[in-house]
Amino acid sequence: MAGLFSKVAKFASSPQGRAAIEKAKAAANDPKNRAKLDQAVAKVKSKGAALQRPAGAPPASTPPASTPPATEVRAEQVRDEPVPPRPVTPPPVTPPPATPQDPYTP
């Protein structure tokens, strides 16, 4: 990735890169393009919101009241006794595949 970034940085500092950057800035500041971008963003946001929650459900910005905060630890979640380690079992040993006998050798 460092090679790609170096190439992009080198292009951006070249005369062709500076011209491309200026052209992109001009296109971004154009009111017509800005309106198209805003419409596209609004369309994506509305589709994403419709897919994430069922119709009539409230937005998911606030968690339900019954969910405790993530930093709260309940007493039943804390264990005082150490957890014993699980026994380690070696992988099963498989015999090598049988080689076919050549009927013509003594």
N, C-alpha and C. Protein backbone atom coordinates (compact mmCIF):
# COMPACT_ATOMS: atom_id res chain seq x y z
N MET A 1 0.81 -1.20 0.00
CA MET A 1 0.00 0.00 0.00
C MET A 1 0.85 1.26 0.00
N ALA A 2 2.04 1.18 0.61
CA ALA A 2 2.89 2.36 0.66
C ALA A 2 3.29 2.77 -0.75
N GLY A 3 3.51 1.81 -1.64
CA GLY A 3 3.87 2.13 -3.01
C GLY A 3 2.77 2.86 -3.74
N LEU A 4 1.54 2.44 -3.53
CA LEU A 4 0.40 3.08 -4.18
C LEU A 4 0.25 4.51 -3.67
N PHE A 5 0.38 4.70 -2.36
CA PHE A 5 0.25 6.05 -1.81
C PHE A 5 1.36 6.95 -2.33
N SER A 6 2.56 6.42 -2.44
CA SER A 6 3.68 7.22 -2.95
C SER A 6 3.41 7.66 -4.39
N LYS A 7 2.85 6.75 -5.19
CA LYS A 7 2.55 7.10 -6.58
C LYS A 7 1.47 8.17 -6.66
N VAL A 8 0.45 8.07 -5.80
CA VAL A 8 -0.61 9.07 -5.79
C VAL A 8 -0.06 10.42 -5.36
N ALA A 9 0.78 10.42 -4.33
CA ALA A 9 1.36 11.68 -3.86
C ALA A 9 2.26 12.30 -4.93
N LYS A 10 3.01 11.46 -5.63
CA LYS A 10 3.88 11.97 -6.69
C LYS A 10 3.04 12.57 -7.82
N PHE A 11 1.95 11.89 -8.20
CA PHE A 11 1.07 12.42 -9.24
C PHE A 11 0.43 13.73 -8.81
N ALA A 12 0.01 13.82 -7.54
CA ALA A 12 -0.66 15.02 -7.06
C ALA A 12 0.26 16.23 -7.07
N SER A 13 1.55 16.00 -6.92
CA SER A 13 2.48 17.13 -6.91
C SER A 13 2.97 17.48 -8.32
N SER A 14 2.64 16.66 -9.32
CA SER A 14 3.04 16.95 -10.70
C SER A 14 2.10 17.99 -11.31
N PRO A 15 2.49 18.63 -12.42
CA PRO A 15 1.60 19.61 -13.07
C PRO A 15 0.27 18.99 -13.52
N GLN A 16 0.31 17.76 -14.04
CA GLN A 16 -0.93 17.11 -14.46
C GLN A 16 -1.82 16.83 -13.24
N GLY A 17 -1.21 16.45 -12.13
CA GLY A 17 -1.97 16.18 -10.92
C GLY A 17 -2.61 17.43 -10.36
N ARG A 18 -1.86 18.52 -10.38
CA ARG A 18 -2.42 19.79 -9.89
C ARG A 18 -3.59 20.23 -10.76
N ALA A 19 -3.47 20.03 -12.07
CA ALA A 19 -4.57 20.39 -12.98
C ALA A 19 -5.80 19.52 -12.70
N ALA A 20 -5.59 18.23 -12.45
CA ALA A 20 -6.71 17.34 -12.15
C ALA A 20 -7.37 17.72 -10.83
N ILE A 21 -6.58 18.12 -9.86
CA ILE A 21 -7.12 18.53 -8.56
C ILE A 21 -7.96 19.79 -8.73
N GLU A 22 -7.48 20.75 -9.49
CA GLU A 22 -8.24 21.98 -9.72
C GLU A 22 -9.54 21.70 -10.45
N LYS A 23 -9.48 20.79 -11.43
CA LYS A 23 -10.70 20.43 -12.17
C LYS A 23 -11.71 19.77 -11.25
N ALA A 24 -11.24 18.89 -10.35
CA ALA A 24 -12.14 18.22 -9.41
C ALA A 24 -12.75 19.22 -8.43
N LYS A 25 -11.94 20.17 -7.96
CA LYS A 25 -12.46 21.19 -7.04
C LYS A 25 -13.53 22.04 -7.72
N ALA A 26 -13.30 22.41 -8.97
CA ALA A 26 -14.27 23.22 -9.71
C ALA A 26 -15.57 22.44 -9.89
N ALA A 27 -15.47 21.16 -10.21
CA ALA A 27 -16.67 20.34 -10.38
C ALA A 27 -17.41 20.18 -9.05
N ALA A 28 -16.67 20.06 -7.95
CA ALA A 28 -17.30 19.90 -6.64
C ALA A 28 -18.02 21.18 -6.20
N ASN A 29 -17.51 22.33 -6.61
CA ASN A 29 -18.12 23.60 -6.21
C ASN A 29 -19.25 24.03 -7.13
N ASP A 30 -19.47 23.32 -8.23
CA ASP A 30 -20.54 23.66 -9.16
C ASP A 30 -21.90 23.36 -8.50
N PRO A 31 -22.83 24.33 -8.47
CA PRO A 31 -24.12 24.10 -7.81
C PRO A 31 -24.92 22.93 -8.41
N LYS A 32 -24.83 22.73 -9.73
CA LYS A 32 -25.56 21.62 -10.35
C LYS A 32 -25.04 20.28 -9.83
N ASN A 33 -23.72 20.15 -9.79
CA ASN A 33 -23.13 18.91 -9.30
C ASN A 33 -23.41 18.72 -7.82
N ARG A 34 -23.40 19.81 -7.07
CA ARG A 34 -23.69 19.74 -5.63
C ARG A 34 -25.11 19.23 -5.40
N ALA A 35 -26.05 19.71 -6.21
CA ALA A 35 -27.44 19.27 -6.09
C ALA A 35 -27.57 17.79 -6.43
N LYS A 36 -26.88 17.35 -7.50
CA LYS A 36 -26.91 15.93 -7.85
C LYS A 36 -26.35 15.07 -6.72
N LEU A 37 -25.27 15.53 -6.12
CA LEU A 37 -24.65 14.78 -5.02
C LEU A 37 -25.59 14.71 -3.82
N ASP A 38 -26.22 15.83 -3.48
CA ASP A 38 -27.15 15.84 -2.36
C ASP A 38 -28.34 14.89 -2.60
N GLN A 39 -28.83 14.86 -3.84
CA GLN A 39 -29.94 13.95 -4.17
C GLN A 39 -29.49 12.49 -4.05
N ALA A 40 -28.31 12.20 -4.53
CA ALA A 40 -27.81 10.82 -4.45
C ALA A 40 -27.61 10.39 -3.00
N VAL A 41 -27.07 11.27 -2.17
CA VAL A 41 -26.85 10.96 -0.76
C VAL A 41 -28.19 10.74 -0.06
N ALA A 42 -29.16 11.60 -0.34
CA ALA A 42 -30.47 11.45 0.28
C ALA A 42 -31.13 10.14 -0.15
N LYS A 43 -30.97 9.77 -1.40
CA LYS A 43 -31.57 8.52 -1.90
C LYS A 43 -30.95 7.32 -1.21
N VAL A 44 -29.63 7.32 -1.07
CA VAL A 44 -28.95 6.20 -0.42
C VAL A 44 -29.34 6.13 1.06
N LYS A 45 -29.40 7.27 1.71
CA LYS A 45 -29.77 7.28 3.12
C LYS A 45 -31.19 6.78 3.34
N SER A 46 -32.10 7.18 2.46
CA SER A 46 -33.49 6.75 2.64
C SER A 46 -33.64 5.26 2.37
N LYS A 47 -32.92 4.73 1.39
CA LYS A 47 -32.98 3.29 1.12
C LYS A 47 -32.36 2.50 2.26
N GLY A 48 -31.24 2.98 2.78
CA GLY A 48 -30.58 2.28 3.88
C GLY A 48 -31.43 2.26 5.13
N ALA A 49 -32.09 3.36 5.42
CA ALA A 49 -32.93 3.42 6.61
C ALA A 49 -34.13 2.50 6.46
N ALA A 50 -34.67 2.40 5.26
CA ALA A 50 -35.83 1.54 5.03
C ALA A 50 -35.45 0.07 5.14
N LEU A 51 -34.23 -0.29 4.77
CA LEU A 51 -33.81 -1.68 4.83
C LEU A 51 -33.43 -2.11 6.25
N GLN A 52 -33.00 -1.18 7.07
CA GLN A 52 -32.50 -1.53 8.39
C GLN A 52 -33.60 -1.73 9.42
N ARG A 53 -34.73 -1.10 9.29
CA ARG A 53 -35.76 -1.21 10.32
C ARG A 53 -37.11 -1.49 9.66
N PRO A 54 -37.98 -2.18 10.36
CA PRO A 54 -39.29 -2.45 9.81
C PRO A 54 -40.14 -1.18 9.74
N ALA A 55 -41.15 -1.21 8.90
CA ALA A 55 -42.02 -0.04 8.74
C ALA A 55 -42.73 0.27 10.05
N GLY A 56 -42.76 1.52 10.42
CA GLY A 56 -43.42 1.95 11.63
C GLY A 56 -42.55 1.88 12.87
N ALA A 57 -41.35 1.29 12.78
CA ALA A 57 -40.46 1.19 13.94
C ALA A 57 -39.74 2.52 14.12
N PRO A 58 -39.42 2.88 15.37
CA PRO A 58 -38.71 4.13 15.59
C PRO A 58 -37.27 4.01 15.09
N PRO A 59 -36.61 5.12 14.83
CA PRO A 59 -35.22 5.07 14.41
C PRO A 59 -34.36 4.40 15.47
N ALA A 60 -33.31 3.76 15.03
CA ALA A 60 -32.45 3.00 15.94
C ALA A 60 -31.38 3.86 16.59
N SER A 61 -31.57 5.16 16.65
CA SER A 61 -30.54 6.03 17.21
C SER A 61 -30.45 5.90 18.73
N THR A 62 -31.54 5.52 19.40
CA THR A 62 -31.50 5.37 20.85
C THR A 62 -31.77 3.91 21.20
N PRO A 63 -30.97 3.34 22.14
CA PRO A 63 -31.20 1.95 22.52
C PRO A 63 -32.46 1.83 23.36
N PRO A 64 -33.06 0.65 23.42
CA PRO A 64 -34.24 0.46 24.26
C PRO A 64 -33.91 0.73 25.72
N ALA A 65 -34.91 1.10 26.49
CA ALA A 65 -34.69 1.47 27.89
C ALA A 65 -34.26 0.28 28.74
N SER A 66 -34.60 -0.94 28.35
CA SER A 66 -34.26 -2.11 29.16
C SER A 66 -32.82 -2.55 28.99
N THR A 67 -32.10 -2.05 28.01
CA THR A 67 -30.71 -2.43 27.79
C THR A 67 -29.81 -1.62 28.71
N PRO A 68 -28.96 -2.29 29.53
CA PRO A 68 -28.06 -1.54 30.40
C PRO A 68 -26.93 -0.91 29.59
N PRO A 69 -26.32 0.14 30.08
CA PRO A 69 -25.20 0.75 29.37
C PRO A 69 -24.07 -0.27 29.20
N ALA A 70 -23.25 -0.08 28.18
CA ALA A 70 -22.19 -1.03 27.88
C ALA A 70 -21.13 -1.08 28.98
N THR A 71 -20.96 -0.01 29.75
CA THR A 71 -19.92 0.01 30.78
C THR A 71 -20.39 -0.62 32.08
N GLU A 72 -21.67 -0.86 32.24
CA GLU A 72 -22.20 -1.42 33.48
C GLU A 72 -21.93 -2.93 33.52
N VAL A 73 -21.42 -3.42 34.67
CA VAL A 73 -21.16 -4.84 34.85
C VAL A 73 -22.04 -5.33 35.97
N ARG A 74 -22.78 -6.38 35.71
CA ARG A 74 -23.66 -6.94 36.73
C ARG A 74 -22.88 -7.90 37.60
N ALA A 75 -23.37 -8.12 38.83
CA ALA A 75 -22.68 -8.99 39.78
C ALA A 75 -22.62 -10.42 39.28
N GLU A 76 -23.65 -10.90 38.58
CA GLU A 76 -23.63 -12.27 38.11
C GLU A 76 -22.65 -12.47 36.95
N GLN A 77 -22.15 -11.39 36.36
CA GLN A 77 -21.18 -11.52 35.28
C GLN A 77 -19.75 -11.67 35.79
N VAL A 78 -19.51 -11.35 37.06
CA VAL A 78 -18.18 -11.40 37.62
C VAL A 78 -17.98 -12.76 38.28
N ARG A 79 -16.87 -13.43 37.97
CA ARG A 79 -16.56 -14.73 38.55
C ARG A 79 -15.37 -14.57 39.48
N ASP A 80 -15.49 -15.09 40.70
CA ASP A 80 -14.38 -15.03 41.63
C ASP A 80 -13.47 -16.24 41.52
N GLU A 81 -14.04 -17.40 41.18
CA GLU A 81 -13.23 -18.61 41.11
C GLU A 81 -12.50 -18.67 39.76
N PRO A 82 -11.28 -19.22 39.77
CA PRO A 82 -10.54 -19.31 38.50
C PRO A 82 -11.17 -20.37 37.60
N VAL A 83 -11.03 -20.16 36.33
CA VAL A 83 -11.55 -21.10 35.36
C VAL A 83 -10.46 -22.12 35.06
N PRO A 84 -10.75 -23.43 35.24
CA PRO A 84 -9.70 -24.42 34.97
C PRO A 84 -9.41 -24.49 33.47
N PRO A 85 -8.16 -24.75 33.13
CA PRO A 85 -7.82 -24.84 31.71
C PRO A 85 -8.42 -26.10 31.09
N ARG A 86 -8.73 -26.01 29.83
CA ARG A 86 -9.27 -27.17 29.13
C ARG A 86 -8.13 -28.14 28.83
N PRO A 87 -8.39 -29.43 28.92
CA PRO A 87 -7.32 -30.39 28.61
C PRO A 87 -6.99 -30.34 27.11
N VAL A 88 -5.73 -30.51 26.85
CA VAL A 88 -5.26 -30.49 25.46
C VAL A 88 -5.21 -31.92 24.97
N THR A 89 -5.91 -32.21 23.92
CA THR A 89 -5.89 -33.54 23.34
C THR A 89 -5.10 -33.51 22.05
N PRO A 90 -4.17 -34.45 21.89
CA PRO A 90 -3.39 -34.44 20.66
C PRO A 90 -4.25 -34.88 19.49
N PRO A 91 -3.86 -34.50 18.31
CA PRO A 91 -4.64 -34.91 17.14
C PRO A 91 -4.55 -36.42 16.95
N PRO A 92 -5.56 -37.03 16.38
CA PRO A 92 -5.53 -38.48 16.19
C PRO A 92 -4.42 -38.88 15.21
N VAL A 93 -3.81 -40.02 15.50
CA VAL A 93 -2.75 -40.52 14.65
C VAL A 93 -3.37 -41.41 13.59
N THR A 94 -3.10 -41.09 12.35
CA THR A 94 -3.64 -41.91 11.26
C THR A 94 -2.50 -42.69 10.65
N PRO A 95 -2.72 -43.97 10.38
CA PRO A 95 -1.64 -44.77 9.77
C PRO A 95 -1.41 -44.32 8.33
N PRO A 96 -0.20 -44.53 7.82
CA PRO A 96 0.05 -44.14 6.43
C PRO A 96 -0.80 -44.98 5.49
N PRO A 97 -1.10 -44.46 4.34
CA PRO A 97 -1.93 -45.23 3.41
C PRO A 97 -1.20 -46.48 2.94
N ALA A 98 -1.94 -47.53 2.76
CA ALA A 98 -1.35 -48.79 2.32
C ALA A 98 -0.92 -48.68 0.86
N THR A 99 0.27 -49.18 0.59
CA THR A 99 0.76 -49.15 -0.78
C THR A 99 0.33 -50.44 -1.48
N PRO A 100 -0.09 -50.36 -2.71
CA PRO A 100 -0.52 -51.58 -3.41
C PRO A 100 0.70 -52.50 -3.68
N GLN A 101 0.49 -53.75 -3.51
CA GLN A 101 1.55 -54.73 -3.76
C GLN A 101 1.66 -54.99 -5.26
N ASP A 102 2.89 -55.03 -5.74
CA ASP A 102 3.13 -55.34 -7.14
C ASP A 102 3.10 -56.87 -7.29
N PRO A 103 2.19 -57.42 -8.08
CA PRO A 103 2.08 -58.88 -8.17
C PRO A 103 3.26 -59.54 -8.91
N TYR A 104 4.08 -58.74 -9.57
CA TYR A 104 5.16 -59.32 -10.37
C TYR A 104 6.49 -59.34 -9.62
N THR A 105 6.57 -58.79 -8.42
CA THR A 105 7.82 -58.84 -7.65
C THR A 105 7.74 -59.97 -6.65
N PRO A 106 8.89 -60.69 -6.44
CA PRO A 106 8.85 -61.83 -5.49
C PRO A 106 8.76 -61.41 -4.06
